[in-house]
PDB file of all heavy atoms in Angstrom:
ATOM      1  N   GLU A   1      43.133 -10.942 -45.635  1.00  0.00           N
ATOM      2  CA  GLU A   1      42.305 -12.081 -46.038  1.00  0.00           C
ATOM      3  C   GLU A   1      41.152 -12.262 -45.057  1.00  0.00           C
ATOM      4  O   GLU A   1      41.302 -12.069 -43.849  1.00  0.00           O
ATOM      5  CB  GLU A   1      43.173 -13.340 -46.062  1.00  0.00           C
ATOM      6  CG  GLU A   1      42.460 -14.560 -46.582  1.00  0.00           C
ATOM      7  CD  GLU A   1      43.379 -15.757 -46.641  1.00  0.00           C
ATOM      8  OE1 GLU A   1      44.194 -15.836 -47.586  1.00  0.00           O
ATOM      9  OE2 GLU A   1      43.281 -16.619 -45.733  1.00  0.00           O
ATOM     10  N   LEU A   2      40.008 -12.621 -45.604  1.00  0.00           N
ATOM     11  CA  LEU A   2      38.859 -12.925 -44.760  1.00  0.00           C
ATOM     12  C   LEU A   2      38.068 -14.060 -45.377  1.00  0.00           C
ATOM     13  O   LEU A   2      38.311 -14.447 -46.517  1.00  0.00           O
ATOM     14  CB  LEU A   2      37.977 -11.697 -44.532  1.00  0.00           C
ATOM     15  CG  LEU A   2      37.390 -10.952 -45.728  1.00  0.00           C
ATOM     16  CD1 LEU A   2      36.195 -11.661 -46.299  1.00  0.00           C
ATOM     17  CD2 LEU A   2      36.976  -9.568 -45.268  1.00  0.00           C
ATOM     18  N   ARG A   3      37.155 -14.590 -44.617  1.00  0.00           N
ATOM     19  CA  ARG A   3      36.313 -15.685 -45.112  1.00  0.00           C
ATOM     20  C   ARG A   3      35.084 -15.084 -45.767  1.00  0.00           C
ATOM     21  O   ARG A   3      34.229 -14.504 -45.094  1.00  0.00           O
ATOM     22  CB  ARG A   3      35.918 -16.604 -43.976  1.00  0.00           C
ATOM     23  CG  ARG A   3      37.084 -17.354 -43.410  1.00  0.00           C
ATOM     24  CD  ARG A   3      36.644 -18.308 -42.339  1.00  0.00           C
ATOM     25  NE  ARG A   3      37.807 -19.014 -41.833  1.00  0.00           N
ATOM     26  CZ  ARG A   3      37.753 -19.847 -40.831  1.00  0.00           C
ATOM     27  NH1 ARG A   3      36.607 -20.094 -40.241  1.00  0.00           N
ATOM     28  NH2 ARG A   3      38.845 -20.439 -40.433  1.00  0.00           N
ATOM     29  N   PHE A   4      34.980 -15.251 -47.072  1.00  0.00           N
ATOM     30  CA  PHE A   4      33.840 -14.702 -47.803  1.00  0.00           C
ATOM     31  C   PHE A   4      32.524 -15.266 -47.274  1.00  0.00           C
ATOM     32  O   PHE A   4      31.510 -14.575 -47.269  1.00  0.00           O
ATOM     33  CB  PHE A   4      33.969 -14.985 -49.298  1.00  0.00           C
ATOM     34  CG  PHE A   4      34.961 -14.101 -50.016  1.00  0.00           C
ATOM     35  CD1 PHE A   4      35.280 -14.364 -51.329  1.00  0.00           C
ATOM     36  CD2 PHE A   4      35.567 -13.010 -49.413  1.00  0.00           C
ATOM     37  CE1 PHE A   4      36.186 -13.559 -52.024  1.00  0.00           C
ATOM     38  CE2 PHE A   4      36.477 -12.204 -50.082  1.00  0.00           C
ATOM     39  CZ  PHE A   4      36.776 -12.482 -51.395  1.00  0.00           C
ATOM     40  N   VAL A   5      32.525 -16.513 -46.834  1.00  0.00           N
ATOM     41  CA  VAL A   5      31.292 -17.108 -46.335  1.00  0.00           C
ATOM     42  C   VAL A   5      30.773 -16.352 -45.109  1.00  0.00           C
ATOM     43  O   VAL A   5      29.563 -16.220 -44.922  1.00  0.00           O
ATOM     44  CB  VAL A   5      31.457 -18.622 -46.042  1.00  0.00           C
ATOM     45  CG1 VAL A   5      32.374 -18.865 -44.851  1.00  0.00           C
ATOM     46  CG2 VAL A   5      30.101 -19.275 -45.840  1.00  0.00           C
ATOM     47  N   LYS A   6      31.662 -15.838 -44.288  1.00  0.00           N
ATOM     48  CA  LYS A   6      31.238 -15.046 -43.117  1.00  0.00           C
ATOM     49  C   LYS A   6      30.547 -13.757 -43.562  1.00  0.00           C
ATOM     50  O   LYS A   6      29.573 -13.322 -42.958  1.00  0.00           O
ATOM     51  CB  LYS A   6      32.438 -14.713 -42.230  1.00  0.00           C
ATOM     52  CG  LYS A   6      33.130 -15.894 -41.639  1.00  0.00           C
ATOM     53  CD  LYS A   6      32.449 -16.336 -40.389  1.00  0.00           C
ATOM     54  CE  LYS A   6      33.304 -17.391 -39.707  1.00  0.00           C
ATOM     55  NZ  LYS A   6      32.610 -17.987 -38.603  1.00  0.00           N
ATOM     56  N   VAL A   7      31.051 -13.164 -44.627  1.00  0.00           N
ATOM     57  CA  VAL A   7      30.445 -11.934 -45.155  1.00  0.00           C
ATOM     58  C   VAL A   7      29.066 -12.240 -45.726  1.00  0.00           C
ATOM     59  O   VAL A   7      28.093 -11.540 -45.433  1.00  0.00           O
ATOM     60  CB  VAL A   7      31.348 -11.286 -46.234  1.00  0.00           C
ATOM     61  CG1 VAL A   7      30.666 -10.077 -46.849  1.00  0.00           C
ATOM     62  CG2 VAL A   7      32.694 -10.908 -45.639  1.00  0.00           C
ATOM     63  N   THR A   8      28.985 -13.293 -46.529  1.00  0.00           N
ATOM     64  CA  THR A   8      27.678 -13.612 -47.127  1.00  0.00           C
ATOM     65  C   THR A   8      26.663 -13.959 -46.051  1.00  0.00           C
ATOM     66  O   THR A   8      25.512 -13.520 -46.117  1.00  0.00           O
ATOM     67  CB  THR A   8      27.774 -14.759 -48.159  1.00  0.00           C
ATOM     68  OG1 THR A   8      28.284 -15.918 -47.547  1.00  0.00           O
ATOM     69  CG2 THR A   8      28.630 -14.373 -49.334  1.00  0.00           C
ATOM     70  N   GLN A   9      27.056 -14.694 -45.037  1.00  0.00           N
ATOM     71  CA  GLN A   9      26.134 -15.026 -43.949  1.00  0.00           C
ATOM     72  C   GLN A   9      25.659 -13.776 -43.228  1.00  0.00           C
ATOM     73  O   GLN A   9      24.464 -13.621 -42.957  1.00  0.00           O
ATOM     74  CB  GLN A   9      26.796 -15.977 -42.952  1.00  0.00           C
ATOM     75  CG  GLN A   9      26.959 -17.381 -43.462  1.00  0.00           C
ATOM     76  CD  GLN A   9      27.773 -18.250 -42.502  1.00  0.00           C
ATOM     77  OE1 GLN A   9      28.572 -17.756 -41.694  1.00  0.00           O
ATOM     78  NE2 GLN A   9      27.585 -19.560 -42.595  1.00  0.00           N
ATOM     79  N   ALA A  10      26.581 -12.876 -42.908  1.00  0.00           N
ATOM     80  CA  ALA A  10      26.223 -11.658 -42.180  1.00  0.00           C
ATOM     81  C   ALA A  10      25.281 -10.776 -42.993  1.00  0.00           C
ATOM     82  O   ALA A  10      24.278 -10.275 -42.481  1.00  0.00           O
ATOM     83  CB  ALA A  10      27.485 -10.883 -41.802  1.00  0.00           C
ATOM     84  N   VAL A  11      25.596 -10.600 -44.265  1.00  0.00           N
ATOM     85  CA  VAL A  11      24.770  -9.725 -45.103  1.00  0.00           C
ATOM     86  C   VAL A  11      23.408 -10.355 -45.370  1.00  0.00           C
ATOM     87  O   VAL A  11      22.379  -9.684 -45.273  1.00  0.00           O
ATOM     88  CB  VAL A  11      25.484  -9.379 -46.428  1.00  0.00           C
ATOM     89  CG1 VAL A  11      24.574  -8.554 -47.325  1.00  0.00           C
ATOM     90  CG2 VAL A  11      26.770  -8.613 -46.142  1.00  0.00           C
ATOM     91  N   HIS A  12      23.385 -11.632 -45.681  1.00  0.00           N
ATOM     92  CA  HIS A  12      22.103 -12.272 -45.968  1.00  0.00           C
ATOM     93  C   HIS A  12      21.219 -12.296 -44.725  1.00  0.00           C
ATOM     94  O   HIS A  12      20.008 -12.116 -44.830  1.00  0.00           O
ATOM     95  CB  HIS A  12      22.314 -13.656 -46.544  1.00  0.00           C
ATOM     96  CG  HIS A  12      22.974 -13.607 -47.885  1.00  0.00           C
ATOM     97  ND1 HIS A  12      23.545 -14.697 -48.477  1.00  0.00           N
ATOM     98  CD2 HIS A  12      23.177 -12.587 -48.754  1.00  0.00           C
ATOM     99  CE1 HIS A  12      24.055 -14.349 -49.641  1.00  0.00           C
ATOM    100  NE2 HIS A  12      23.857 -13.067 -49.824  1.00  0.00           N
ATOM    101  N   SER A  13      21.807 -12.473 -43.540  1.00  0.00           N
ATOM    102  CA  SER A  13      21.029 -12.403 -42.302  1.00  0.00           C
ATOM    103  C   SER A  13      20.440 -11.009 -42.129  1.00  0.00           C
ATOM    104  O   SER A  13      19.270 -10.863 -41.754  1.00  0.00           O
ATOM    105  CB  SER A  13      21.904 -12.742 -41.095  1.00  0.00           C
ATOM    106  OG  SER A  13      22.282 -14.091 -41.126  1.00  0.00           O
ATOM    107  N   LEU A  14      21.234 -10.002 -42.400  1.00  0.00           N
ATOM    108  CA  LEU A  14      20.761  -8.618 -42.296  1.00  0.00           C
ATOM    109  C   LEU A  14      19.614  -8.359 -43.270  1.00  0.00           C
ATOM    110  O   LEU A  14      18.603  -7.759 -42.910  1.00  0.00           O
ATOM    111  CB  LEU A  14      21.926  -7.664 -42.569  1.00  0.00           C
ATOM    112  CG  LEU A  14      21.678  -6.177 -42.414  1.00  0.00           C
ATOM    113  CD1 LEU A  14      21.286  -5.830 -40.992  1.00  0.00           C
ATOM    114  CD2 LEU A  14      22.932  -5.404 -42.815  1.00  0.00           C
ATOM    115  N   ILE A  15      19.747  -8.838 -44.490  1.00  0.00           N
ATOM    116  CA  ILE A  15      18.710  -8.643 -45.505  1.00  0.00           C
ATOM    117  C   ILE A  15      17.411  -9.326 -45.075  1.00  0.00           C
ATOM    118  O   ILE A  15      16.333  -8.733 -45.130  1.00  0.00           O
ATOM    119  CB  ILE A  15      19.182  -9.155 -46.878  1.00  0.00           C
ATOM    120  CG1 ILE A  15      20.279  -8.233 -47.426  1.00  0.00           C
ATOM    121  CG2 ILE A  15      18.015  -9.250 -47.863  1.00  0.00           C
ATOM    122  CD1 ILE A  15      21.017  -8.790 -48.637  1.00  0.00           C
ATOM    123  N   VAL A  16      17.517 -10.567 -44.615  1.00  0.00           N
ATOM    124  CA  VAL A  16      16.326 -11.309 -44.199  1.00  0.00           C
ATOM    125  C   VAL A  16      15.671 -10.638 -42.994  1.00  0.00           C
ATOM    126  O   VAL A  16      14.442 -10.498 -42.936  1.00  0.00           O
ATOM    127  CB  VAL A  16      16.674 -12.786 -43.913  1.00  0.00           C
ATOM    128  CG1 VAL A  16      15.524 -13.509 -43.238  1.00  0.00           C
ATOM    129  CG2 VAL A  16      17.051 -13.497 -45.205  1.00  0.00           C
ATOM    130  N   GLU A  17      16.469 -10.185 -42.036  1.00  0.00           N
ATOM    131  CA  GLU A  17      15.918  -9.495 -40.860  1.00  0.00           C
ATOM    132  C   GLU A  17      15.167  -8.229 -41.272  1.00  0.00           C
ATOM    133  O   GLU A  17      14.083  -7.938 -40.748  1.00  0.00           O
ATOM    134  CB  GLU A  17      17.037  -9.142 -39.879  1.00  0.00           C
ATOM    135  CG  GLU A  17      17.598 -10.332 -39.142  1.00  0.00           C
ATOM    136  CD  GLU A  17      18.845  -9.976 -38.333  1.00  0.00           C
ATOM    137  OE1 GLU A  17      19.108  -8.786 -38.088  1.00  0.00           O
ATOM    138  OE2 GLU A  17      19.563 -10.923 -37.960  1.00  0.00           O
ATOM    139  N   GLU A  18      15.725  -7.475 -42.212  1.00  0.00           N
ATOM    140  CA  GLU A  18      15.058  -6.264 -42.692  1.00  0.00           C
ATOM    141  C   GLU A  18      13.746  -6.599 -43.393  1.00  0.00           C
ATOM    142  O   GLU A  18      12.748  -5.913 -43.235  1.00  0.00           O
ATOM    143  CB  GLU A  18      15.974  -5.482 -43.628  1.00  0.00           C
ATOM    144  CG  GLU A  18      17.168  -4.842 -42.959  1.00  0.00           C
ATOM    145  CD  GLU A  18      16.789  -3.742 -41.987  1.00  0.00           C
ATOM    146  OE1 GLU A  18      15.746  -3.072 -42.179  1.00  0.00           O
ATOM    147  OE2 GLU A  18      17.532  -3.555 -41.014  1.00  0.00           O
ATOM    148  N   GLN A  19      13.748  -7.671 -44.179  1.00  0.00           N
ATOM    149  CA  GLN A  19      12.529  -8.073 -44.880  1.00  0.00           C
ATOM    150  C   GLN A  19      11.465  -8.527 -43.895  1.00  0.00           C
ATOM    151  O   GLN A  19      10.285  -8.190 -44.056  1.00  0.00           O
ATOM    152  CB  GLN A  19      12.845  -9.176 -45.897  1.00  0.00           C
ATOM    153  CG  GLN A  19      13.640  -8.666 -47.072  1.00  0.00           C
ATOM    154  CD  GLN A  19      14.095  -9.781 -48.012  1.00  0.00           C
ATOM    155  OE1 GLN A  19      14.104 -10.951 -47.653  1.00  0.00           O
ATOM    156  NE2 GLN A  19      14.472  -9.395 -49.213  1.00  0.00           N
ATOM    157  N   ILE A  20      11.847  -9.270 -42.878  1.00  0.00           N
ATOM    158  CA  ILE A  20      10.893  -9.714 -41.863  1.00  0.00           C
ATOM    159  C   ILE A  20      10.324  -8.518 -41.121  1.00  0.00           C
ATOM    160  O   ILE A  20       9.121  -8.437 -40.864  1.00  0.00           O
ATOM    161  CB  ILE A  20      11.548 -10.722 -40.892  1.00  0.00           C
ATOM    162  CG1 ILE A  20      11.776 -12.045 -41.624  1.00  0.00           C
ATOM    163  CG2 ILE A  20      10.701 -10.927 -39.645  1.00  0.00           C
ATOM    164  CD1 ILE A  20      12.597 -13.056 -40.846  1.00  0.00           C
ATOM    165  N   SER A  21      11.171  -7.551 -40.802  1.00  0.00           N
ATOM    166  CA  SER A  21      10.714  -6.340 -40.122  1.00  0.00           C
ATOM    167  C   SER A  21       9.699  -5.577 -40.984  1.00  0.00           C
ATOM    168  O   SER A  21       8.667  -5.118 -40.487  1.00  0.00           O
ATOM    169  CB  SER A  21      11.908  -5.444 -39.793  1.00  0.00           C
ATOM    170  OG  SER A  21      11.483  -4.258 -39.179  1.00  0.00           O
ATOM    171  N   ALA A  22       9.979  -5.470 -42.282  1.00  0.00           N
ATOM    172  CA  ALA A  22       9.057  -4.779 -43.187  1.00  0.00           C
ATOM    173  C   ALA A  22       7.734  -5.537 -43.295  1.00  0.00           C
ATOM    174  O   ALA A  22       6.659  -4.923 -43.319  1.00  0.00           O
ATOM    175  CB  ALA A  22       9.697  -4.626 -44.566  1.00  0.00           C
ATOM    176  N   LEU A  23       7.803  -6.862 -43.340  1.00  0.00           N
ATOM    177  CA  LEU A  23       6.579  -7.667 -43.389  1.00  0.00           C
ATOM    178  C   LEU A  23       5.756  -7.505 -42.120  1.00  0.00           C
ATOM    179  O   LEU A  23       4.522  -7.407 -42.177  1.00  0.00           O
ATOM    180  CB  LEU A  23       6.916  -9.138 -43.605  1.00  0.00           C
ATOM    181  CG  LEU A  23       7.343  -9.531 -45.006  1.00  0.00           C
ATOM    182  CD1 LEU A  23       7.838 -10.977 -45.030  1.00  0.00           C
ATOM    183  CD2 LEU A  23       6.196  -9.353 -45.981  1.00  0.00           C
ATOM    184  N   ARG A  24       6.414  -7.461 -40.975  1.00  0.00           N
ATOM    185  CA  ARG A  24       5.699  -7.267 -39.705  1.00  0.00           C
ATOM    186  C   ARG A  24       5.003  -5.908 -39.673  1.00  0.00           C
ATOM    187  O   ARG A  24       3.865  -5.792 -39.227  1.00  0.00           O
ATOM    188  CB  ARG A  24       6.660  -7.402 -38.535  1.00  0.00           C
ATOM    189  CG  ARG A  24       7.040  -8.817 -38.252  1.00  0.00           C
ATOM    190  CD  ARG A  24       7.865  -8.938 -36.981  1.00  0.00           C
ATOM    191  NE  ARG A  24       8.209 -10.322 -36.761  1.00  0.00           N
ATOM    192  CZ  ARG A  24       9.429 -10.752 -36.461  1.00  0.00           C
ATOM    193  NH1 ARG A  24      10.419  -9.892 -36.308  1.00  0.00           N
ATOM    194  NH2 ARG A  24       9.657 -12.027 -36.283  1.00  0.00           N
ATOM    195  N   ALA A  25       5.685  -4.878 -40.148  1.00  0.00           N
ATOM    196  CA  ALA A  25       5.079  -3.540 -40.177  1.00  0.00           C
ATOM    197  C   ALA A  25       3.879  -3.520 -41.116  1.00  0.00           C
ATOM    198  O   ALA A  25       2.833  -2.943 -40.792  1.00  0.00           O
ATOM    199  CB  ALA A  25       6.117  -2.506 -40.607  1.00  0.00           C
ATOM    200  N   SER A  26       4.010  -4.170 -42.256  1.00  0.00           N
ATOM    201  CA  SER A  26       2.914  -4.235 -43.220  1.00  0.00           C
ATOM    202  C   SER A  26       1.727  -4.994 -42.635  1.00  0.00           C
ATOM    203  O   SER A  26       0.570  -4.586 -42.770  1.00  0.00           O
ATOM    204  CB  SER A  26       3.399  -4.916 -44.506  1.00  0.00           C
ATOM    205  OG  SER A  26       2.332  -5.106 -45.392  1.00  0.00           O
ATOM    206  N   GLU A  27       2.009  -6.106 -41.971  1.00  0.00           N
ATOM    207  CA  GLU A  27       0.942  -6.906 -41.381  1.00  0.00           C
ATOM    208  C   GLU A  27       0.240  -6.145 -40.267  1.00  0.00           C
ATOM    209  O   GLU A  27      -0.981  -6.188 -40.129  1.00  0.00           O
ATOM    210  CB  GLU A  27       1.542  -8.218 -40.845  1.00  0.00           C
ATOM    211  CG  GLU A  27       0.528  -9.302 -40.569  1.00  0.00           C
ATOM    212  CD  GLU A  27       0.249  -9.454 -39.085  1.00  0.00           C
ATOM    213  OE1 GLU A  27       1.119  -9.119 -38.278  1.00  0.00           O
ATOM    214  OE2 GLU A  27      -0.852  -9.895 -38.761  1.00  0.00           O
ATOM    215  N   SER A  28       0.987  -5.391 -39.494  1.00  0.00           N
ATOM    216  CA  SER A  28       0.411  -4.572 -38.431  1.00  0.00           C
ATOM    217  C   SER A  28      -0.513  -3.495 -39.014  1.00  0.00           C
ATOM    218  O   SER A  28      -1.624  -3.284 -38.523  1.00  0.00           O
ATOM    219  CB  SER A  28       1.528  -3.924 -37.604  1.00  0.00           C
ATOM    220  OG  SER A  28       0.981  -3.062 -36.638  1.00  0.00           O
ATOM    221  N   ALA A  29      -0.067  -2.841 -40.061  1.00  0.00           N
ATOM    222  CA  ALA A  29      -0.902  -1.821 -40.713  1.00  0.00           C
ATOM    223  C   ALA A  29      -2.164  -2.458 -41.284  1.00  0.00           C
ATOM    224  O   ALA A  29      -3.262  -1.887 -41.186  1.00  0.00           O
ATOM    225  CB  ALA A  29      -0.111  -1.123 -41.815  1.00  0.00           C
ATOM    226  N   HIS A  30      -2.038  -3.644 -41.854  1.00  0.00           N
ATOM    227  CA  HIS A  30      -3.189  -4.359 -42.406  1.00  0.00           C
ATOM    228  C   HIS A  30      -4.209  -4.677 -41.308  1.00  0.00           C
ATOM    229  O   HIS A  30      -5.416  -4.500 -41.488  1.00  0.00           O
ATOM    230  CB  HIS A  30      -2.728  -5.640 -43.105  1.00  0.00           C
ATOM    231  CG  HIS A  30      -3.846  -6.478 -43.621  1.00  0.00           C
ATOM    232  ND1 HIS A  30      -4.605  -6.100 -44.702  1.00  0.00           N
ATOM    233  CD2 HIS A  30      -4.341  -7.666 -43.194  1.00  0.00           C
ATOM    234  CE1 HIS A  30      -5.530  -7.027 -44.925  1.00  0.00           C
ATOM    235  NE2 HIS A  30      -5.376  -7.989 -44.020  1.00  0.00           N
ATOM    236  N   ARG A  31      -3.724  -5.143 -40.145  1.00  0.00           N
ATOM    237  CA  ARG A  31      -4.622  -5.454 -39.022  1.00  0.00           C
ATOM    238  C   ARG A  31      -5.376  -4.221 -38.565  1.00  0.00           C
ATOM    239  O   ARG A  31      -6.587  -4.265 -38.344  1.00  0.00           O
ATOM    240  CB  ARG A  31      -3.820  -6.034 -37.855  1.00  0.00           C
ATOM    241  CG  ARG A  31      -3.619  -7.523 -37.930  1.00  0.00           C
ATOM    242  CD  ARG A  31      -3.192  -8.127 -36.581  1.00  0.00           C
ATOM    243  NE  ARG A  31      -2.252  -7.315 -35.825  1.00  0.00           N
ATOM    244  CZ  ARG A  31      -0.922  -7.441 -35.885  1.00  0.00           C
ATOM    245  NH1 ARG A  31      -0.397  -8.347 -36.667  1.00  0.00           N
ATOM    246  NH2 ARG A  31      -0.147  -6.677 -35.172  1.00  0.00           N
ATOM    247  N   VAL A  32      -4.673  -3.098 -38.413  1.00  0.00           N
ATOM    248  CA  VAL A  32      -5.313  -1.852 -37.970  1.00  0.00           C
ATOM    249  C   VAL A  32      -6.336  -1.392 -38.995  1.00  0.00           C
ATOM    250  O   VAL A  32      -7.468  -1.025 -38.651  1.00  0.00           O
ATOM    251  CB  VAL A  32      -4.255  -0.753 -37.707  1.00  0.00           C
ATOM    252  CG1 VAL A  32      -4.917   0.595 -37.482  1.00  0.00           C
ATOM    253  CG2 VAL A  32      -3.385  -1.134 -36.519  1.00  0.00           C
ATOM    254  N   PHE A  33      -5.971  -1.416 -40.275  1.00  0.00           N
ATOM    255  CA  PHE A  33      -6.884  -1.010 -41.340  1.00  0.00           C
ATOM    256  C   PHE A  33      -8.135  -1.891 -41.346  1.00  0.00           C
ATOM    257  O   PHE A  33      -9.267  -1.394 -41.422  1.00  0.00           O
ATOM    258  CB  PHE A  33      -6.186  -1.083 -42.701  1.00  0.00           C
ATOM    259  CG  PHE A  33      -7.073  -0.750 -43.856  1.00  0.00           C
ATOM    260  CD1 PHE A  33      -7.414   0.564 -44.137  1.00  0.00           C
ATOM    261  CD2 PHE A  33      -7.587  -1.770 -44.656  1.00  0.00           C
ATOM    262  CE1 PHE A  33      -8.241   0.874 -45.210  1.00  0.00           C
ATOM    263  CE2 PHE A  33      -8.421  -1.473 -45.728  1.00  0.00           C
ATOM    264  CZ  PHE A  33      -8.752  -0.152 -46.003  1.00  0.00           C
ATOM    265  N   THR A  34      -7.946  -3.193 -41.220  1.00  0.00           N
ATOM    266  CA  THR A  34      -9.080  -4.120 -41.213  1.00  0.00           C
ATOM    267  C   THR A  34      -9.983  -3.865 -40.013  1.00  0.00           C
ATOM    268  O   THR A  34     -11.216  -3.818 -40.142  1.00  0.00           O
ATOM    269  CB  THR A  34      -8.575  -5.585 -41.200  1.00  0.00           C
ATOM    270  OG1 THR A  34      -7.773  -5.796 -42.358  1.00  0.00           O
ATOM    271  CG2 THR A  34      -9.729  -6.567 -41.174  1.00  0.00           C
ATOM    272  N   ARG A  35      -9.399  -3.677 -38.834  1.00  0.00           N
ATOM    273  CA  ARG A  35     -10.184  -3.404 -37.621  1.00  0.00           C
ATOM    274  C   ARG A  35     -10.997  -2.132 -37.790  1.00  0.00           C
ATOM    275  O   ARG A  35     -12.184  -2.098 -37.474  1.00  0.00           O
ATOM    276  CB  ARG A  35      -9.267  -3.288 -36.399  1.00  0.00           C
ATOM    277  CG  ARG A  35     -10.039  -3.049 -35.089  1.00  0.00           C
ATOM    278  CD  ARG A  35      -9.122  -2.951 -33.888  1.00  0.00           C
ATOM    279  NE  ARG A  35      -8.013  -2.030 -34.035  1.00  0.00           N
ATOM    280  CZ  ARG A  35      -8.099  -0.701 -33.925  1.00  0.00           C
ATOM    281  NH1 ARG A  35      -9.244  -0.113 -33.694  1.00  0.00           N
ATOM    282  NH2 ARG A  35      -7.026   0.044 -34.060  1.00  0.00           N
TER     283      ARG A  35
END
């Protein structure tokens, strides 16, 4: 038995972190391209 809420929190945090990382990479590429 495990707490499903712990799983959802861990996975959703991972998903959000990955999305933020992808957004940062995109924004960095945009800055370089614009410069």
